[in-house]
Amino acid sequence: MSLLTDLLNLNLSETTEKVIAEYIWIGGSGMDLRSKARTLSGPVDDPAKLPKWNYDGSSTDQAPGDDSEVILYPQAIFRDPFRRGKNILVMCDAYTPAGEPIPTNKRHAAAKIFSHPDVVAEEPWYGIEQEYTLLQKEVKWPVGWPVGGFPGPQGPYYCGVGADKAFGRDIVDSHYKACLYAGINISGINGEVMPGQWEFQVGPAVGISAGDQLWVARYILERITEIAGVVLSFDPKPIMGDWNGAGAHTNYSTKSMRNEGGYEIIKKAIEKLGLRHKEHIAAYGEGNERRLTGKHETADINTFLWGVANRGASIRVGRDTEREGKGYFEDRRPASNMDPYVVNVDEIPMDKIDALFSSLFSKSPRLGLAEV
């Protein structure tokens, strides 16, 4: 094994200018990450200078077998924490050979919204709290839990310390450092309420980059759990019963919300979110009805309510925001398996760009974007 480790850790820059680019994309389920690598003649730091590539879409449930070619467009570059050196990870989205975004490509439409001058002027900031569960590989039961049994009730595990409270910290810390190495603005980690469940936070990040960073952070976590022999789950309610589910709380603000008088703008935005609650819920992740029960720090899925410092609300406003009269709000409805390219657009103030909004998403009614 030492020879294998030595080979894995080879420093290519000592012998060649060539680098390895790992192209990453989202598969047909909307949550299955795929990737493959190619050799480049030298370092590249601009995704526009990277070659497009293709893959077999019939093997990812994204194209028929008799017309299976799907084209990858490089969109964002990150340092590769696995191969290191000048090697890179490349976040891509997917198109037909004719240049049309395939139906599962949610990034394309989101990028058009984020590039609109009215949106750019508002500088939308995101902070995404990604919760996830680590499972024992053979039995798909949370790490640290007795096989077929249960640990003690919730209480000591949230941000807990100790061998009987924190399970999988080596994976979590490895992921934390790998994301920082990659150039992802990961702002923290913590143990969650259910044992074996953890959270990392991405942000603040501006516009479309928040989605790119979250997806690559998920990819890095998948790779680390692969190495550790642990299964990564983004199921919003992996264990039924008196256990917390897993969400992806999305913190959001615009320049207007962060400036003086921003609290009034926040309240108006929240009111408009409430008018399209059902549409948002439909786009906020599969299986979310098992999580949003009105218990375990959630609002009931059929109820929209907001409050200051209320973790049982759909939308939470922090005490600091209320006191300072400006800041951000937290949408607590998105599930852990949400697509950030969809959820992030949901929060954008749309008053000035309804026509663009309607034209972009006329073929994707499930996105349910908000007129905030």
Protein backbone atom coordinates (compact mmCIF):
# COMPACT_ATOMS: atom_id res chain seq x y z
CA MET A 1 0.00 0.00 0.00
CA SER A 2 2.93 2.36 0.60
CA LEU A 3 3.88 2.18 -3.08
CA LEU A 4 0.30 2.93 -4.09
CA THR A 5 0.28 5.93 -1.74
CA ASP A 6 3.57 7.12 -3.18
CA LEU A 7 2.17 6.94 -6.70
CA LEU A 8 -1.00 8.78 -5.71
CA ASN A 9 1.13 11.55 -4.21
CA LEU A 10 3.44 11.98 -7.21
CA ASN A 11 4.25 15.63 -7.90
CA LEU A 12 3.73 15.92 -11.65
CA SER A 13 5.26 19.40 -11.81
CA GLU A 14 8.69 17.87 -11.23
CA THR A 15 8.62 16.08 -14.60
CA THR A 16 5.95 17.61 -16.86
CA GLU A 17 4.02 20.78 -17.63
CA LYS A 18 0.88 18.73 -18.18
CA VAL A 19 -1.95 18.93 -15.66
CA ILE A 20 -5.07 16.88 -14.97
CA ALA A 21 -8.52 18.47 -15.16
CA GLU A 22 -11.40 16.62 -13.48
CA TYR A 23 -14.63 17.61 -15.26
CA ILE A 24 -17.64 17.48 -12.90
CA TRP A 25 -21.32 17.54 -13.84
CA ILE A 26 -24.76 16.72 -12.42
CA GLY A 27 -26.42 13.51 -13.63
CA GLY A 28 -30.00 12.73 -14.53
CA SER A 29 -31.41 12.43 -11.00
CA GLY A 30 -30.41 16.01 -10.25
CA MET A 31 -28.27 14.88 -7.30
CA ASP A 32 -25.90 12.24 -8.73
CA LEU A 33 -22.53 13.86 -9.36
CA ARG A 34 -20.42 12.47 -12.20
CA SER A 35 -16.84 13.22 -13.22
CA LYS A 36 -14.05 12.18 -15.54
CA ALA A 37 -10.52 13.42 -16.09
CA ARG A 38 -8.49 14.61 -19.05
CA THR A 39 -4.92 15.74 -19.55
CA LEU A 40 -4.18 19.35 -20.49
CA SER A 41 -0.95 20.56 -22.05
CA GLY A 42 -0.45 23.13 -19.32
CA PRO A 43 -2.09 25.09 -16.49
CA VAL A 44 -5.42 26.83 -17.18
CA ASP A 45 -7.08 29.35 -14.87
CA ASP A 46 -9.94 30.54 -17.10
CA PRO A 47 -12.85 28.15 -17.79
CA ALA A 48 -13.40 29.83 -21.17
CA LYS A 49 -9.97 28.52 -22.24
CA LEU A 50 -10.82 24.91 -21.39
CA PRO A 51 -12.04 22.58 -24.15
CA LYS A 52 -15.64 21.44 -24.23
CA TRP A 53 -16.03 17.71 -23.78
CA ASN A 54 -18.72 15.08 -24.26
CA TYR A 55 -20.11 12.12 -22.38
CA ASP A 56 -22.60 9.30 -22.86
CA GLY A 57 -25.88 10.78 -21.69
CA SER A 58 -27.69 7.47 -22.10
CA SER A 59 -25.67 6.15 -19.15
CA THR A 60 -26.69 9.07 -16.91
CA ASP A 61 -30.39 9.10 -17.85
CA GLN A 62 -29.93 12.35 -19.78
CA ALA A 63 -30.14 11.22 -23.41
CA PRO A 64 -31.52 8.31 -25.49
CA GLY A 65 -29.20 5.55 -26.60
CA ASP A 66 -29.55 6.37 -30.30
CA ASP A 67 -28.52 10.00 -29.76
CA SER A 68 -26.50 9.84 -26.58
CA GLU A 69 -23.87 12.56 -26.90
CA VAL A 70 -24.07 15.35 -24.34
CA ILE A 71 -21.60 18.24 -24.32
CA LEU A 72 -19.90 19.59 -21.19
CA TYR A 73 -19.26 23.36 -21.01
CA PRO A 74 -16.63 24.29 -18.38
CA GLN A 75 -17.98 27.02 -16.08
CA ALA A 76 -15.80 27.29 -12.96
CA ILE A 77 -12.32 26.14 -11.92
CA PHE A 78 -11.14 25.03 -8.48
CA ARG A 79 -7.84 23.66 -7.21
CA ASP A 80 -7.83 19.86 -6.93
CA PRO A 81 -7.22 18.83 -3.28
CA PHE A 82 -6.78 15.18 -4.27
CA ARG A 83 -4.15 15.46 -7.04
CA ARG A 84 -2.88 18.87 -5.84
CA GLY A 85 -0.13 20.71 -7.68
CA LYS A 86 -1.55 22.60 -10.65
CA ASN A 87 -4.31 20.07 -11.24
CA ILE A 88 -7.88 21.36 -11.24
CA LEU A 89 -11.53 20.53 -10.67
CA VAL A 90 -13.89 21.92 -13.31
CA MET A 91 -17.60 22.49 -12.66
CA CYS A 92 -19.51 22.07 -15.91
CA ASP A 93 -23.06 22.22 -17.21
CA ALA A 94 -24.51 20.14 -20.02
CA TYR A 95 -25.84 20.87 -23.54
CA THR A 96 -27.00 19.08 -26.65
CA PRO A 97 -24.61 19.04 -29.63
CA ALA A 98 -26.71 21.88 -31.07
CA GLY A 99 -25.87 24.04 -28.06
CA GLU A 100 -29.22 23.82 -26.24
CA PRO A 101 -29.15 23.23 -22.46
CA ILE A 102 -30.45 19.76 -21.63
CA PRO A 103 -33.55 19.65 -19.36
CA THR A 104 -31.56 18.82 -16.22
CA ASN A 105 -29.23 21.79 -16.75
CA LYS A 106 -30.58 24.29 -14.21
CA ARG A 107 -27.41 26.35 -14.19
CA HIS A 108 -27.92 27.79 -17.67
CA ALA A 109 -31.15 29.64 -16.86
CA ALA A 110 -29.90 30.69 -13.43
CA ALA A 111 -26.76 32.22 -14.99
CA LYS A 112 -28.91 34.36 -17.29
CA ILE A 113 -30.87 35.68 -14.31
CA PHE A 114 -27.71 36.37 -12.31
CA SER A 115 -26.10 38.24 -15.22
CA HIS A 116 -29.07 40.59 -15.64
CA PRO A 117 -27.96 44.20 -14.84
CA ASP A 118 -30.69 44.69 -12.23
CA VAL A 119 -29.57 41.56 -10.39
CA VAL A 120 -25.87 42.39 -10.70
CA ALA A 121 -26.55 45.86 -9.27
CA GLU A 122 -28.15 44.31 -6.17
CA GLU A 123 -25.13 42.03 -5.48
CA PRO A 124 -27.09 39.03 -4.15
CA TRP A 125 -25.17 37.29 -1.35
CA TYR A 126 -25.78 33.71 -0.28
CA GLY A 127 -24.77 31.63 2.69
CA ILE A 128 -25.89 28.01 2.36
CA GLU A 129 -25.96 25.66 5.36
CA GLN A 130 -25.55 22.18 3.90
CA GLU A 131 -26.58 19.40 6.28
CA TYR A 132 -25.78 15.75 5.51
CA THR A 133 -25.66 12.33 7.15
CA LEU A 134 -22.82 9.81 7.22
CA LEU A 135 -23.93 6.18 6.90
CA GLN A 136 -22.20 2.88 7.55
CA LYS A 137 -21.48 1.40 4.14
CA GLU A 138 -22.82 -2.12 4.55
CA VAL A 139 -26.01 -1.39 6.48
CA LYS A 140 -26.85 2.21 5.44
CA TRP A 141 -27.30 3.15 9.11
CA PRO A 142 -25.76 6.33 10.60
CA VAL A 143 -22.15 6.12 11.71
CA GLY A 144 -21.80 5.76 15.46
CA TRP A 145 -25.20 4.08 15.81
CA PRO A 146 -25.43 0.46 16.95
CA VAL A 147 -26.40 -1.68 13.96
CA GLY A 148 -30.16 -2.16 14.02
CA GLY A 149 -30.41 -0.05 17.17
CA PHE A 150 -30.51 3.53 18.34
CA PRO A 151 -28.26 5.82 20.35
CA GLY A 152 -29.48 7.92 23.25
CA PRO A 153 -32.00 10.68 22.47
CA GLN A 154 -31.03 13.97 20.86
CA GLY A 155 -29.52 16.62 23.08
CA PRO A 156 -25.79 16.01 23.60
CA TYR A 157 -24.84 15.65 19.92
CA TYR A 158 -25.32 19.16 18.49
CA CYS A 159 -21.81 20.66 18.36
CA GLY A 160 -20.88 17.85 20.70
CA VAL A 161 -17.39 16.68 21.64
CA GLY A 162 -16.35 13.17 22.58
CA ALA A 163 -16.27 9.64 21.22
CA ASP A 164 -19.86 9.02 22.34
CA LYS A 165 -21.20 12.23 20.76
CA ALA A 166 -19.27 13.10 17.58
CA PHE A 167 -19.06 10.44 14.87
CA GLY A 168 -17.05 11.04 11.68
CA ARG A 169 -15.10 14.15 12.66
CA ASP A 170 -12.05 13.02 10.68
CA ILE A 171 -14.14 13.06 7.49
CA VAL A 172 -15.64 16.43 8.36
CA ASP A 173 -12.30 18.11 9.10
CA SER A 174 -10.72 16.59 5.98
CA HIS A 175 -13.56 18.05 3.93
CA TYR A 176 -13.22 21.45 5.62
CA LYS A 177 -9.53 21.74 4.74
CA ALA A 178 -9.98 20.28 1.24
CA CYS A 179 -12.62 22.91 0.43
CA LEU A 180 -10.39 25.74 1.64
CA TYR A 181 -7.56 24.31 -0.47
CA ALA A 182 -9.85 24.16 -3.50
CA GLY A 183 -10.77 27.83 -3.16
CA ILE A 184 -14.31 27.31 -1.90
CA ASN A 185 -15.47 29.94 0.57
CA ILE A 186 -16.48 27.41 3.21
CA SER A 187 -17.17 29.45 6.33
CA GLY A 188 -17.57 26.76 8.96
CA ILE A 189 -18.67 23.30 10.10
CA ASN A 190 -20.55 21.86 13.05
CA GLY A 191 -22.04 18.65 14.36
CA GLU A 192 -25.80 18.54 13.96
CA VAL A 193 -28.66 17.58 16.30
CA MET A 194 -28.95 13.99 15.10
CA PRO A 195 -25.82 11.91 15.78
CA GLY A 196 -23.93 11.08 12.59
CA GLN A 197 -25.25 14.24 10.96
CA TRP A 198 -23.06 17.26 10.18
CA GLU A 199 -23.21 20.61 8.48
CA PHE A 200 -20.88 22.81 6.45
CA GLN A 201 -21.57 26.35 5.35
CA VAL A 202 -20.65 27.88 1.98
CA GLY A 203 -20.60 31.64 1.74
CA PRO A 204 -20.91 34.45 1.65
CA ALA A 205 -20.82 33.95 -2.10
CA VAL A 206 -22.21 36.17 -4.83
CA GLY A 207 -24.74 35.05 -7.43
CA ILE A 208 -24.10 31.96 -9.51
CA SER A 209 -20.79 31.27 -7.75
CA ALA A 210 -22.72 30.16 -4.65
CA GLY A 211 -24.23 27.29 -6.66
CA ASP A 212 -20.90 26.36 -8.24
CA GLN A 213 -19.15 26.32 -4.88
CA LEU A 214 -21.81 24.25 -3.16
CA TRP A 215 -21.85 21.63 -5.91
CA VAL A 216 -18.06 21.30 -5.88
CA ALA A 217 -18.07 21.13 -2.07
CA ARG A 218 -20.57 18.27 -2.36
CA TYR A 219 -18.33 16.57 -4.92
CA ILE A 220 -15.29 16.84 -2.63
CA LEU A 221 -17.31 15.39 0.24
CA GLU A 222 -18.46 12.49 -1.95
CA ARG A 223 -14.84 11.76 -2.84
CA ILE A 224 -13.67 11.88 0.78
CA THR A 225 -16.43 9.56 1.97
CA GLU A 226 -15.56 7.25 -0.93
CA ILE A 227 -11.99 7.05 0.40
CA ALA A 228 -13.22 6.54 3.97
CA GLY A 229 -15.64 3.77 2.99
CA VAL A 230 -18.62 5.72 4.33
CA VAL A 231 -21.86 6.50 2.46
CA LEU A 232 -22.89 10.14 2.13
CA SER A 233 -26.62 10.86 2.34
CA PHE A 234 -28.43 14.10 1.47
CA ASP A 235 -31.81 12.55 2.31
CA PRO A 236 -33.89 15.23 4.10
CA LYS A 237 -35.18 12.68 6.66
CA PRO A 238 -32.80 9.71 6.73
CA ILE A 239 -34.21 8.30 9.98
CA MET A 240 -37.91 8.50 10.70
CA GLY A 241 -39.14 9.19 14.22
CA ASP A 242 -37.95 11.64 16.85
CA TRP A 243 -34.83 12.67 14.96
CA ASN A 244 -33.99 15.91 13.18
CA GLY A 245 -34.04 15.95 9.40
CA ALA A 246 -31.42 17.48 7.11
CA GLY A 247 -31.89 20.82 5.37
CA ALA A 248 -29.97 23.36 3.34
CA HIS A 249 -30.98 26.62 4.99
CA THR A 250 -30.31 29.43 2.54
CA ASN A 251 -29.27 32.83 3.90
CA TYR A 252 -29.85 35.68 1.48
CA SER A 253 -29.42 39.43 1.15
CA THR A 254 -29.18 42.13 -1.49
CA LYS A 255 -27.32 45.43 -1.35
CA SER A 256 -30.63 47.15 -0.56
CA MET A 257 -31.24 44.78 2.36
CA ARG A 258 -27.74 45.34 3.71
CA ASN A 259 -28.03 49.16 3.55
CA GLU A 260 -29.89 51.48 5.90
CA GLY A 261 -33.62 50.77 5.83
CA GLY A 262 -32.99 47.25 4.61
CA TYR A 263 -35.21 45.63 7.21
CA GLU A 264 -38.33 47.04 5.54
CA ILE A 265 -37.16 45.62 2.20
CA ILE A 266 -36.57 42.25 3.86
CA LYS A 267 -40.10 42.20 5.27
CA LYS A 268 -41.62 43.04 1.89
CA ALA A 269 -39.55 40.29 0.27
CA ILE A 270 -40.70 37.75 2.83
CA GLU A 271 -44.33 38.71 2.24
CA LYS A 272 -43.92 38.01 -1.47
CA LEU A 273 -42.20 34.71 -0.78
CA GLY A 274 -45.27 33.68 1.19
CA LEU A 275 -47.51 34.25 -1.83
CA ARG A 276 -45.68 31.52 -3.77
CA HIS A 277 -44.98 29.12 -0.94
CA LYS A 278 -46.39 26.02 -2.68
CA GLU A 279 -44.36 26.68 -5.83
CA HIS A 280 -41.18 27.04 -3.83
CA ILE A 281 -41.81 23.89 -1.82
CA ALA A 282 -42.19 21.96 -5.10
CA ALA A 283 -38.70 23.10 -6.11
CA TYR A 284 -36.92 22.83 -2.76
CA GLY A 285 -35.95 19.15 -2.79
CA GLU A 286 -37.40 15.65 -3.03
CA GLY A 287 -38.83 14.06 0.10
CA ASN A 288 -39.04 17.37 1.93
CA GLU A 289 -42.55 16.51 3.19
CA ARG A 290 -40.94 13.95 5.51
CA ARG A 291 -38.83 16.71 7.04
CA LEU A 292 -41.16 19.73 7.15
CA THR A 293 -43.60 18.42 9.76
CA GLY A 294 -43.79 21.34 12.17
CA LYS A 295 -41.47 19.49 14.53
CA HIS A 296 -37.70 19.28 14.92
CA GLU A 297 -37.06 22.97 14.15
CA THR A 298 -39.24 23.15 11.04
CA ALA A 299 -42.50 24.77 10.01
CA ASP A 300 -45.23 22.52 8.63
CA ILE A 301 -44.88 22.12 4.87
CA ASN A 302 -48.36 23.56 4.25
CA THR A 303 -47.80 26.62 6.43
CA PHE A 304 -45.77 29.72 5.66
CA LEU A 305 -44.70 31.83 8.59
CA TRP A 306 -41.74 33.97 9.51
CA GLY A 307 -40.33 35.28 12.73
CA VAL A 308 -37.33 36.81 14.44
CA ALA A 309 -34.99 34.17 15.91
CA ASN A 310 -37.68 31.52 15.30
CA ARG A 311 -36.17 28.24 14.10
CA GLY A 312 -39.64 26.76 13.79
CA ALA A 313 -40.53 29.26 11.05
CA SER A 314 -40.32 29.02 7.27
CA ILE A 315 -38.23 32.19 7.21
CA ARG A 316 -36.07 33.28 10.13
CA VAL A 317 -34.76 36.80 10.65
CA GLY A 318 -31.83 37.17 13.03
CA ARG A 319 -31.87 39.36 16.11
CA ASP A 320 -28.94 41.36 14.73
CA THR A 321 -30.88 42.16 11.56
CA GLU A 322 -33.90 43.32 13.57
CA ARG A 323 -31.74 45.43 15.91
CA GLU A 324 -29.62 47.04 13.18
CA GLY A 325 -32.51 47.54 10.76
CA LYS A 326 -30.64 45.83 7.92
CA GLY A 327 -29.01 42.53 7.05
CA TYR A 328 -30.30 39.21 5.69
CA PHE A 329 -32.93 36.53 6.15
CA GLU A 330 -32.75 32.74 6.29
CA ASP A 331 -35.04 30.50 4.24
CA ARG A 332 -35.29 27.31 6.30
CA ARG A 333 -37.49 25.41 3.85
CA PRO A 334 -34.94 23.98 1.34
CA ALA A 335 -34.09 20.31 1.88
CA SER A 336 -30.53 18.99 2.06
CA ASN A 337 -30.92 17.62 -1.50
CA MET A 338 -32.00 20.93 -3.05
CA ASP A 339 -30.41 22.30 -6.21
CA PRO A 340 -28.75 25.65 -5.35
CA TYR A 341 -29.10 26.84 -8.96
CA VAL A 342 -32.87 26.67 -8.42
CA VAL A 343 -33.20 27.78 -4.80
CA ASN A 344 -30.80 30.71 -5.12
CA VAL A 345 -32.80 32.21 -7.98
CA ASP A 346 -35.99 31.82 -5.93
CA GLU A 347 -34.76 34.52 -3.57
CA ILE A 348 -33.92 37.18 -6.17
CA PRO A 349 -36.00 40.40 -6.29
CA MET A 350 -37.82 39.94 -9.60
CA ASP A 351 -39.95 43.11 -9.79
CA LYS A 352 -37.96 44.65 -12.63
CA ILE A 353 -37.23 41.55 -14.70
CA ASP A 354 -40.48 39.59 -14.87
CA ALA A 355 -40.37 39.36 -18.68
CA LEU A 356 -36.89 37.82 -18.66
CA PHE A 357 -37.94 35.54 -15.83
CA SER A 358 -41.00 34.28 -17.67
CA SER A 359 -39.20 33.64 -20.94
CA LEU A 360 -36.33 31.74 -19.33
CA PHE A 361 -38.50 29.44 -17.26
CA SER A 362 -41.54 28.95 -19.46
CA LYS A 363 -40.30 25.41 -20.16
CA SER A 364 -39.42 24.68 -16.53
CA PRO A 365 -42.55 25.30 -14.43
CA ARG A 366 -41.27 23.24 -11.50
CA LEU A 367 -38.65 25.86 -10.70
CA GLY A 368 -41.37 27.98 -9.09
CA LEU A 369 -39.27 31.13 -8.85
CA ALA A 370 -40.32 33.93 -6.54
CA GLU A 371 -41.39 37.42 -7.47
CA VAL A 372 -39.59 38.82 -4.47
